[in-house]
Full PDB file with SEQRES, HELIX, SHEET, SSBOND, CRYST1, ORIGX, SCALE, CONECT and MASTER records, all heavy atoms in Angstrom:
SEQRES   1 A   30  LEU GLN MET ARG SER LYS ARG TYR ARG PRO LEU TYR TYR          
SEQRES   2 A   30  TRP LEU SER VAL ALA LEU LEU ALA VAL PHE GLY THR PHE          
SEQRES   3 A   30  SER ALA ASP THR                                              
HELIX    1 AA1 PRO A   10  ASP A   29  1                                  20    
CRYST1    1.000    1.000    1.000  90.00  90.00  90.00 P 1           1          
ORIGX1      1.000000  0.000000  0.000000        0.00000                         
ORIGX2      0.000000  1.000000  0.000000        0.00000                         
ORIGX3      0.000000  0.000000  1.000000        0.00000                         
SCALE1      1.000000  0.000000  0.000000        0.00000                         
SCALE2      0.000000  1.000000  0.000000        0.00000                         
SCALE3      0.000000  0.000000  1.000000        0.00000                         
ATOM      1  N   LEU A   1      55.524  82.909 115.389  1.00  0.00           N  
ATOM      2  CA  LEU A   1      55.654  81.789 114.450  1.00  0.00           C  
ATOM      3  C   LEU A   1      55.849  80.410 115.165  1.00  0.00           C  
ATOM      4  O   LEU A   1      55.243  79.380 114.895  1.00  0.00           O  
ATOM      5  CB  LEU A   1      56.595  82.083 113.447  1.00  0.00           C  
ATOM      6  CG  LEU A   1      56.296  83.271 112.448  1.00  0.00           C  
ATOM      7  CD1 LEU A   1      57.503  83.579 111.554  1.00  0.00           C  
ATOM      8  CD2 LEU A   1      55.153  82.800 111.521  1.00  0.00           C  
ATOM      9  N   GLN A   2      56.841  80.559 115.971  1.00  0.00           N  
ATOM     10  CA  GLN A   2      57.266  79.203 116.860  1.00  0.00           C  
ATOM     11  C   GLN A   2      56.022  78.824 117.695  1.00  0.00           C  
ATOM     12  O   GLN A   2      55.782  77.526 117.705  1.00  0.00           O  
ATOM     13  CB  GLN A   2      58.473  79.540 117.689  1.00  0.00           C  
ATOM     14  CG  GLN A   2      58.751  78.424 118.587  1.00  0.00           C  
ATOM     15  CD  GLN A   2      59.200  76.913 117.872  1.00  0.00           C  
ATOM     16  OE1 GLN A   2      59.446  76.955 116.767  1.00  0.00           O  
ATOM     17  NE2 GLN A   2      58.857  76.026 118.597  1.00  0.00           N  
ATOM     18  N   MET A   3      55.375  79.646 118.319  1.00  0.00           N  
ATOM     19  CA  MET A   3      54.207  79.160 119.308  1.00  0.00           C  
ATOM     20  C   MET A   3      53.138  78.722 118.444  1.00  0.00           C  
ATOM     21  O   MET A   3      52.286  77.963 118.946  1.00  0.00           O  
ATOM     22  CB  MET A   3      53.983  80.370 120.148  1.00  0.00           C  
ATOM     23  CG  MET A   3      55.159  80.685 121.184  1.00  0.00           C  
ATOM     24  SD  MET A   3      54.583  81.721 122.489  1.00  0.00           S  
ATOM     25  CE  MET A   3      53.622  80.554 123.471  1.00  0.00           C  
ATOM     26  N   ARG A   4      52.880  79.147 117.233  1.00  0.00           N  
ATOM     27  CA  ARG A   4      51.860  78.892 116.402  1.00  0.00           C  
ATOM     28  C   ARG A   4      52.078  77.531 115.684  1.00  0.00           C  
ATOM     29  O   ARG A   4      51.169  76.929 115.201  1.00  0.00           O  
ATOM     30  CB  ARG A   4      51.478  79.903 115.418  1.00  0.00           C  
ATOM     31  CG  ARG A   4      50.688  81.073 116.018  1.00  0.00           C  
ATOM     32  CD  ARG A   4      50.316  82.173 114.907  1.00  0.00           C  
ATOM     33  NE  ARG A   4      49.595  83.204 115.528  1.00  0.00           N  
ATOM     34  CZ  ARG A   4      49.064  84.201 114.773  1.00  0.00           C  
ATOM     35  NH1 ARG A   4      49.344  84.293 113.400  1.00  0.00           N  
ATOM     36  NH2 ARG A   4      48.390  85.183 115.398  1.00  0.00           N  
ATOM     37  N   SER A   5      53.321  77.147 115.644  1.00  0.00           N  
ATOM     38  CA  SER A   5      53.681  75.864 115.012  1.00  0.00           C  
ATOM     39  C   SER A   5      53.185  74.737 115.902  1.00  0.00           C  
ATOM     40  O   SER A   5      53.205  74.869 117.094  1.00  0.00           O  
ATOM     41  CB  SER A   5      55.266  75.773 114.761  1.00  0.00           C  
ATOM     42  OG  SER A   5      55.634  76.795 113.974  1.00  0.00           O  
ATOM     43  N   LYS A   6      53.027  73.582 115.350  1.00  0.00           N  
ATOM     44  CA  LYS A   6      52.704  72.401 116.036  1.00  0.00           C  
ATOM     45  C   LYS A   6      53.760  71.633 116.471  1.00  0.00           C  
ATOM     46  O   LYS A   6      53.536  70.536 117.183  1.00  0.00           O  
ATOM     47  CB  LYS A   6      51.666  71.627 115.333  1.00  0.00           C  
ATOM     48  CG  LYS A   6      50.282  72.411 115.086  1.00  0.00           C  
ATOM     49  CD  LYS A   6      49.296  71.510 114.364  1.00  0.00           C  
ATOM     50  CE  LYS A   6      48.029  72.330 114.043  1.00  0.00           C  
ATOM     51  NZ  LYS A   6      47.015  71.544 113.312  1.00  0.00           N  
ATOM     52  N   ARG A   7      55.019  71.962 116.128  1.00  0.00           N  
ATOM     53  CA  ARG A   7      56.261  71.212 116.521  1.00  0.00           C  
ATOM     54  C   ARG A   7      57.383  72.180 116.523  1.00  0.00           C  
ATOM     55  O   ARG A   7      57.205  73.384 116.276  1.00  0.00           O  
ATOM     56  CB  ARG A   7      56.457  70.092 115.527  1.00  0.00           C  
ATOM     57  CG  ARG A   7      56.766  70.567 114.119  1.00  0.00           C  
ATOM     58  CD  ARG A   7      57.200  69.437 113.248  1.00  0.00           C  
ATOM     59  NE  ARG A   7      57.396  69.776 111.931  1.00  0.00           N  
ATOM     60  CZ  ARG A   7      58.563  70.330 111.376  1.00  0.00           C  
ATOM     61  NH1 ARG A   7      59.543  70.524 112.132  1.00  0.00           N  
ATOM     62  NH2 ARG A   7      58.637  70.620 110.058  1.00  0.00           N  
ATOM     63  N   TYR A   8      58.489  71.666 117.067  1.00  0.00           N  
ATOM     64  CA  TYR A   8      59.772  72.532 117.116  1.00  0.00           C  
ATOM     65  C   TYR A   8      60.233  72.874 115.774  1.00  0.00           C  
ATOM     66  O   TYR A   8      60.404  72.080 114.813  1.00  0.00           O  
ATOM     67  CB  TYR A   8      60.728  71.727 117.887  1.00  0.00           C  
ATOM     68  CG  TYR A   8      62.087  72.179 117.684  1.00  0.00           C  
ATOM     69  CD1 TYR A   8      62.700  73.373 117.988  1.00  0.00           C  
ATOM     70  CD2 TYR A   8      63.127  71.325 116.982  1.00  0.00           C  
ATOM     71  CE1 TYR A   8      63.966  73.933 117.873  1.00  0.00           C  
ATOM     72  CE2 TYR A   8      64.459  71.686 116.922  1.00  0.00           C  
ATOM     73  CZ  TYR A   8      64.879  73.045 117.336  1.00  0.00           C  
ATOM     74  OH  TYR A   8      66.120  73.329 117.046  1.00  0.00           O  
ATOM     75  N   ARG A   9      60.306  74.176 115.476  1.00  0.00           N  
ATOM     76  CA  ARG A   9      60.890  74.666 114.237  1.00  0.00           C  
ATOM     77  C   ARG A   9      62.362  75.322 114.563  1.00  0.00           C  
ATOM     78  O   ARG A   9      62.382  76.440 115.153  1.00  0.00           O  
ATOM     79  CB  ARG A   9      59.937  75.730 113.596  1.00  0.00           C  
ATOM     80  CG  ARG A   9      58.626  75.229 113.407  1.00  0.00           C  
ATOM     81  CD  ARG A   9      58.448  74.607 112.040  1.00  0.00           C  
ATOM     82  NE  ARG A   9      57.185  74.105 111.724  1.00  0.00           N  
ATOM     83  CZ  ARG A   9      56.773  73.467 110.653  1.00  0.00           C  
ATOM     84  NH1 ARG A   9      57.754  73.289 109.631  1.00  0.00           N  
ATOM     85  NH2 ARG A   9      55.468  73.185 110.332  1.00  0.00           N  
ATOM     86  N   PRO A  10      63.363  74.720 114.083  1.00  0.00           N  
ATOM     87  CA  PRO A  10      64.786  75.184 114.484  1.00  0.00           C  
ATOM     88  C   PRO A  10      64.889  76.766 114.056  1.00  0.00           C  
ATOM     89  O   PRO A  10      65.463  77.483 114.736  1.00  0.00           O  
ATOM     90  CB  PRO A  10      65.627  74.349 113.647  1.00  0.00           C  
ATOM     91  CG  PRO A  10      64.903  73.029 113.494  1.00  0.00           C  
ATOM     92  CD  PRO A  10      63.478  73.399 113.379  1.00  0.00           C  
ATOM     93  N   LEU A  11      64.447  77.057 112.883  1.00  0.00           N  
ATOM     94  CA  LEU A  11      64.606  78.479 112.438  1.00  0.00           C  
ATOM     95  C   LEU A  11      63.929  79.382 113.297  1.00  0.00           C  
ATOM     96  O   LEU A  11      64.572  80.500 113.735  1.00  0.00           O  
ATOM     97  CB  LEU A  11      64.148  78.619 111.021  1.00  0.00           C  
ATOM     98  CG  LEU A  11      64.233  79.978 110.342  1.00  0.00           C  
ATOM     99  CD1 LEU A  11      65.746  80.240 110.051  1.00  0.00           C  
ATOM    100  CD2 LEU A  11      63.622  80.109 109.003  1.00  0.00           C  
ATOM    101  N   TYR A  12      62.653  79.200 113.646  1.00  0.00           N  
ATOM    102  CA  TYR A  12      61.978  80.053 114.454  1.00  0.00           C  
ATOM    103  C   TYR A  12      62.484  80.046 115.869  1.00  0.00           C  
ATOM    104  O   TYR A  12      62.576  81.153 116.484  1.00  0.00           O  
ATOM    105  CB  TYR A  12      60.402  79.752 114.462  1.00  0.00           C  
ATOM    106  CG  TYR A  12      59.727  79.608 113.272  1.00  0.00           C  
ATOM    107  CD1 TYR A  12      58.594  78.883 113.054  1.00  0.00           C  
ATOM    108  CD2 TYR A  12      60.222  80.432 112.146  1.00  0.00           C  
ATOM    109  CE1 TYR A  12      57.972  78.841 111.716  1.00  0.00           C  
ATOM    110  CE2 TYR A  12      59.628  80.448 110.877  1.00  0.00           C  
ATOM    111  CZ  TYR A  12      58.555  79.674 110.672  1.00  0.00           C  
ATOM    112  OH  TYR A  12      57.766  79.689 109.568  1.00  0.00           O  
ATOM    113  N   TYR A  13      62.755  79.038 116.344  1.00  0.00           N  
ATOM    114  CA  TYR A  13      63.263  78.767 117.776  1.00  0.00           C  
ATOM    115  C   TYR A  13      64.555  79.563 118.060  1.00  0.00           C  
ATOM    116  O   TYR A  13      64.668  80.432 118.896  1.00  0.00           O  
ATOM    117  CB  TYR A  13      63.487  77.345 118.227  1.00  0.00           C  
ATOM    118  CG  TYR A  13      64.077  77.176 119.607  1.00  0.00           C  
ATOM    119  CD1 TYR A  13      63.146  77.008 120.703  1.00  0.00           C  
ATOM    120  CD2 TYR A  13      65.423  77.169 119.847  1.00  0.00           C  
ATOM    121  CE1 TYR A  13      63.683  76.751 121.869  1.00  0.00           C  
ATOM    122  CE2 TYR A  13      65.783  76.977 121.066  1.00  0.00           C  
ATOM    123  CZ  TYR A  13      65.031  76.728 122.200  1.00  0.00           C  
ATOM    124  OH  TYR A  13      65.483  76.606 123.537  1.00  0.00           O  
ATOM    125  N   TRP A  14      65.533  79.272 117.176  1.00  0.00           N  
ATOM    126  CA  TRP A  14      66.879  79.820 117.310  1.00  0.00           C  
ATOM    127  C   TRP A  14      67.037  81.290 116.980  1.00  0.00           C  
ATOM    128  O   TRP A  14      67.723  82.166 117.579  1.00  0.00           O  
ATOM    129  CB  TRP A  14      67.963  79.081 116.576  1.00  0.00           C  
ATOM    130  CG  TRP A  14      68.279  77.794 117.291  1.00  0.00           C  
ATOM    131  CD1 TRP A  14      68.101  76.474 116.905  1.00  0.00           C  
ATOM    132  CD2 TRP A  14      68.879  77.669 118.561  1.00  0.00           C  
ATOM    133  NE1 TRP A  14      68.264  75.633 117.909  1.00  0.00           N  
ATOM    134  CE2 TRP A  14      68.896  76.232 118.930  1.00  0.00           C  
ATOM    135  CE3 TRP A  14      69.227  78.503 119.616  1.00  0.00           C  
ATOM    136  CZ2 TRP A  14      69.410  75.780 120.062  1.00  0.00           C  
ATOM    137  CZ3 TRP A  14      69.861  78.042 120.740  1.00  0.00           C  
ATOM    138  CH2 TRP A  14      69.877  76.689 121.027  1.00  0.00           C  
ATOM    139  N   LEU A  15      66.213  81.838 116.053  1.00  0.00           N  
ATOM    140  CA  LEU A  15      66.096  83.323 115.783  1.00  0.00           C  
ATOM    141  C   LEU A  15      65.420  84.072 116.935  1.00  0.00           C  
ATOM    142  O   LEU A  15      65.813  85.118 117.234  1.00  0.00           O  
ATOM    143  CB  LEU A  15      65.278  83.546 114.358  1.00  0.00           C  
ATOM    144  CG  LEU A  15      66.194  83.253 113.195  1.00  0.00           C  
ATOM    145  CD1 LEU A  15      65.322  83.446 111.978  1.00  0.00           C  
ATOM    146  CD2 LEU A  15      67.473  84.016 113.179  1.00  0.00           C  
ATOM    147  N   SER A  16      64.446  83.395 117.576  1.00  0.00           N  
ATOM    148  CA  SER A  16      63.871  83.923 118.744  1.00  0.00           C  
ATOM    149  C   SER A  16      64.801  84.048 119.823  1.00  0.00           C  
ATOM    150  O   SER A  16      64.989  85.221 120.543  1.00  0.00           O  
ATOM    151  CB  SER A  16      62.667  83.143 119.277  1.00  0.00           C  
ATOM    152  OG  SER A  16      61.689  83.051 118.203  1.00  0.00           O  
ATOM    153  N   VAL A  17      65.683  82.967 120.004  1.00  0.00           N  
ATOM    154  CA  VAL A  17      66.786  83.013 121.140  1.00  0.00           C  
ATOM    155  C   VAL A  17      67.784  84.091 120.784  1.00  0.00           C  
ATOM    156  O   VAL A  17      68.166  84.872 121.777  1.00  0.00           O  
ATOM    157  CB  VAL A  17      67.483  81.820 121.279  1.00  0.00           C  
ATOM    158  CG1 VAL A  17      68.662  81.738 122.097  1.00  0.00           C  
ATOM    159  CG2 VAL A  17      66.512  80.697 121.697  1.00  0.00           C  
ATOM    160  N   ALA A  18      68.196  84.309 119.550  1.00  0.00           N  
ATOM    161  CA  ALA A  18      69.144  85.229 119.238  1.00  0.00           C  
ATOM    162  C   ALA A  18      68.720  86.686 119.427  1.00  0.00           C  
ATOM    163  O   ALA A  18      69.421  87.482 119.820  1.00  0.00           O  
ATOM    164  CB  ALA A  18      69.716  85.044 117.710  1.00  0.00           C  
ATOM    165  N   LEU A  19      67.503  86.918 118.943  1.00  0.00           N  
ATOM    166  CA  LEU A  19      66.868  88.274 119.085  1.00  0.00           C  
ATOM    167  C   LEU A  19      66.609  88.525 120.530  1.00  0.00           C  
ATOM    168  O   LEU A  19      66.756  89.693 120.936  1.00  0.00           O  
ATOM    169  CB  LEU A  19      65.682  88.277 118.299  1.00  0.00           C  
ATOM    170  CG  LEU A  19      65.810  88.313 116.708  1.00  0.00           C  
ATOM    171  CD1 LEU A  19      64.554  87.867 115.967  1.00  0.00           C  
ATOM    172  CD2 LEU A  19      66.355  89.652 116.275  1.00  0.00           C  
ATOM    173  N   LEU A  20      66.296  87.517 121.375  1.00  0.00           N  
ATOM    174  CA  LEU A  20      66.158  87.816 122.859  1.00  0.00           C  
ATOM    175  C   LEU A  20      67.438  88.125 123.450  1.00  0.00           C  
ATOM    176  O   LEU A  20      67.448  88.973 124.363  1.00  0.00           O  
ATOM    177  CB  LEU A  20      65.492  86.585 123.491  1.00  0.00           C  
ATOM    178  CG  LEU A  20      65.013  86.699 124.917  1.00  0.00           C  
ATOM    179  CD1 LEU A  20      64.097  87.745 125.113  1.00  0.00           C  
ATOM    180  CD2 LEU A  20      64.403  85.350 125.402  1.00  0.00           C  
ATOM    181  N   ALA A  21      68.559  87.607 122.954  1.00  0.00           N  
ATOM    182  CA  ALA A  21      69.816  88.041 123.411  1.00  0.00           C  
ATOM    183  C   ALA A  21      70.076  89.463 123.209  1.00  0.00           C  
ATOM    184  O   ALA A  21      70.755  90.210 123.956  1.00  0.00           O  
ATOM    185  CB  ALA A  21      70.988  87.221 122.638  1.00  0.00           C  
ATOM    186  N   VAL A  22      69.562  89.993 122.141  1.00  0.00           N  
ATOM    187  CA  VAL A  22      69.646  91.577 121.834  1.00  0.00           C  
ATOM    188  C   VAL A  22      68.739  92.232 122.693  1.00  0.00           C  
ATOM    189  O   VAL A  22      69.231  93.138 123.452  1.00  0.00           O  
ATOM    190  CB  VAL A  22      69.425  91.835 120.410  1.00  0.00           C  
ATOM    191  CG1 VAL A  22      69.443  93.438 120.150  1.00  0.00           C  
ATOM    192  CG2 VAL A  22      70.343  91.101 119.442  1.00  0.00           C  
ATOM    193  N   PHE A  23      67.490  91.960 122.783  1.00  0.00           N  
ATOM    194  CA  PHE A  23      66.469  92.628 123.495  1.00  0.00           C  
ATOM    195  C   PHE A  23      66.658  92.570 125.017  1.00  0.00           C  
ATOM    196  O   PHE A  23      66.549  93.455 125.777  1.00  0.00           O  
ATOM    197  CB  PHE A  23      65.048  92.160 123.050  1.00  0.00           C  
ATOM    198  CG  PHE A  23      64.017  92.791 123.882  1.00  0.00           C  
ATOM    199  CD1 PHE A  23      63.726  94.164 123.862  1.00  0.00           C  
ATOM    200  CD2 PHE A  23      63.298  92.086 124.811  1.00  0.00           C  
ATOM    201  CE1 PHE A  23      62.735  94.793 124.588  1.00  0.00           C  
ATOM    202  CE2 PHE A  23      62.220  92.511 125.472  1.00  0.00           C  
ATOM    203  CZ  PHE A  23      61.972  94.010 125.416  1.00  0.00           C  
ATOM    204  N   GLY A  24      67.180  91.246 125.464  1.00  0.00           N  
ATOM    205  CA  GLY A  24      67.323  91.053 126.815  1.00  0.00           C  
ATOM    206  C   GLY A  24      68.277  91.860 127.457  1.00  0.00           C  
ATOM    207  O   GLY A  24      68.169  92.255 128.579  1.00  0.00           O  
ATOM    208  N   THR A  25      69.307  92.184 126.580  1.00  0.00           N  
ATOM    209  CA  THR A  25      70.509  92.981 127.212  1.00  0.00           C  
ATOM    210  C   THR A  25      69.907  94.395 127.563  1.00  0.00           C  
ATOM    211  O   THR A  25      70.261  94.806 128.601  1.00  0.00           O  
ATOM    212  CB  THR A  25      71.563  93.048 126.061  1.00  0.00           C  
ATOM    213  OG1 THR A  25      72.066  91.757 125.855  1.00  0.00           O  
ATOM    214  CG2 THR A  25      72.576  93.975 126.606  1.00  0.00           C  
ATOM    215  N   PHE A  26      69.126  94.862 126.643  1.00  0.00           N  
ATOM    216  CA  PHE A  26      68.563  96.257 127.008  1.00  0.00           C  
ATOM    217  C   PHE A  26      67.537  96.124 128.042  1.00  0.00           C  
ATOM    218  O   PHE A  26      67.498  97.176 128.857  1.00  0.00           O  
ATOM    219  CB  PHE A  26      68.030  96.880 125.670  1.00  0.00           C  
ATOM    220  CG  PHE A  26      68.973  97.346 124.687  1.00  0.00           C  
ATOM    221  CD1 PHE A  26      69.357  96.686 123.590  1.00  0.00           C  
ATOM    222  CD2 PHE A  26      69.662  98.536 124.976  1.00  0.00           C  
ATOM    223  CE1 PHE A  26      70.321  97.135 122.821  1.00  0.00           C  
ATOM    224  CE2 PHE A  26      70.599  99.089 124.052  1.00  0.00           C  
ATOM    225  CZ  PHE A  26      70.917  98.361 123.014  1.00  0.00           C  
ATOM    226  N   SER A  27      66.878  95.148 128.126  1.00  0.00           N  
ATOM    227  CA  SER A  27      65.788  95.031 129.223  1.00  0.00           C  
ATOM    228  C   SER A  27      66.438  95.132 130.635  1.00  0.00           C  
ATOM    229  O   SER A  27      66.097  95.814 131.598  1.00  0.00           O  
ATOM    230  CB  SER A  27      65.059  93.772 129.177  1.00  0.00           C  
ATOM    231  OG  SER A  27      64.311  93.679 127.910  1.00  0.00           O  
ATOM    232  N   ALA A  28      67.557  94.441 130.780  1.00  0.00           N  
ATOM    233  CA  ALA A  28      68.295  94.379 132.112  1.00  0.00           C  
ATOM    234  C   ALA A  28      69.008  95.631 132.216  1.00  0.00           C  
ATOM    235  O   ALA A  28      68.915  96.200 133.419  1.00  0.00           O  
ATOM    236  CB  ALA A  28      69.276  93.223 131.936  1.00  0.00           C  
ATOM    237  N   ASP A  29      69.668  96.221 131.192  1.00  0.00           N  
ATOM    238  CA  ASP A  29      70.340  97.434 131.521  1.00  0.00           C  
ATOM    239  C   ASP A  29      69.447  98.623 131.690  1.00  0.00           C  
ATOM    240  O   ASP A  29      69.717  99.557 132.536  1.00  0.00           O  
ATOM    241  CB  ASP A  29      71.193  97.860 130.232  1.00  0.00           C  
ATOM    242  CG  ASP A  29      72.499  96.779 130.048  1.00  0.00           C  
ATOM    243  OD1 ASP A  29      72.763  96.053 131.013  1.00  0.00           O  
ATOM    244  OD2 ASP A  29      73.037  96.628 128.903  1.00  0.00           O  
ATOM    245  N   THR A  30      68.343  98.693 130.893  1.00  0.00           N  
ATOM    246  CA  THR A  30      67.361  99.693 131.297  1.00  0.00           C  
ATOM    247  C   THR A  30      66.691  99.665 132.548  1.00  0.00           C  
ATOM    248  O   THR A  30      66.501 100.688 133.226  1.00  0.00           O  
ATOM    249  CB  THR A  30      66.247  99.679 130.084  1.00  0.00           C  
ATOM    250  OG1 THR A  30      66.760  99.655 128.763  1.00  0.00           O  
ATOM    251  CG2 THR A  30      65.175 100.835 130.317  1.00  0.00           C  
TER     252      THR A  30                                                      
MASTER        0    0    0    1    0    0    0    6  251    1    0    3          
END                                                                             
């Protein structure tokens, strides 16, 4: 959704960051 937007969308950007904080942890640990 953020990449398809034509400008910065705070909701899409920060939810992507927060979810990456969850997934990124498992990526490194795995």
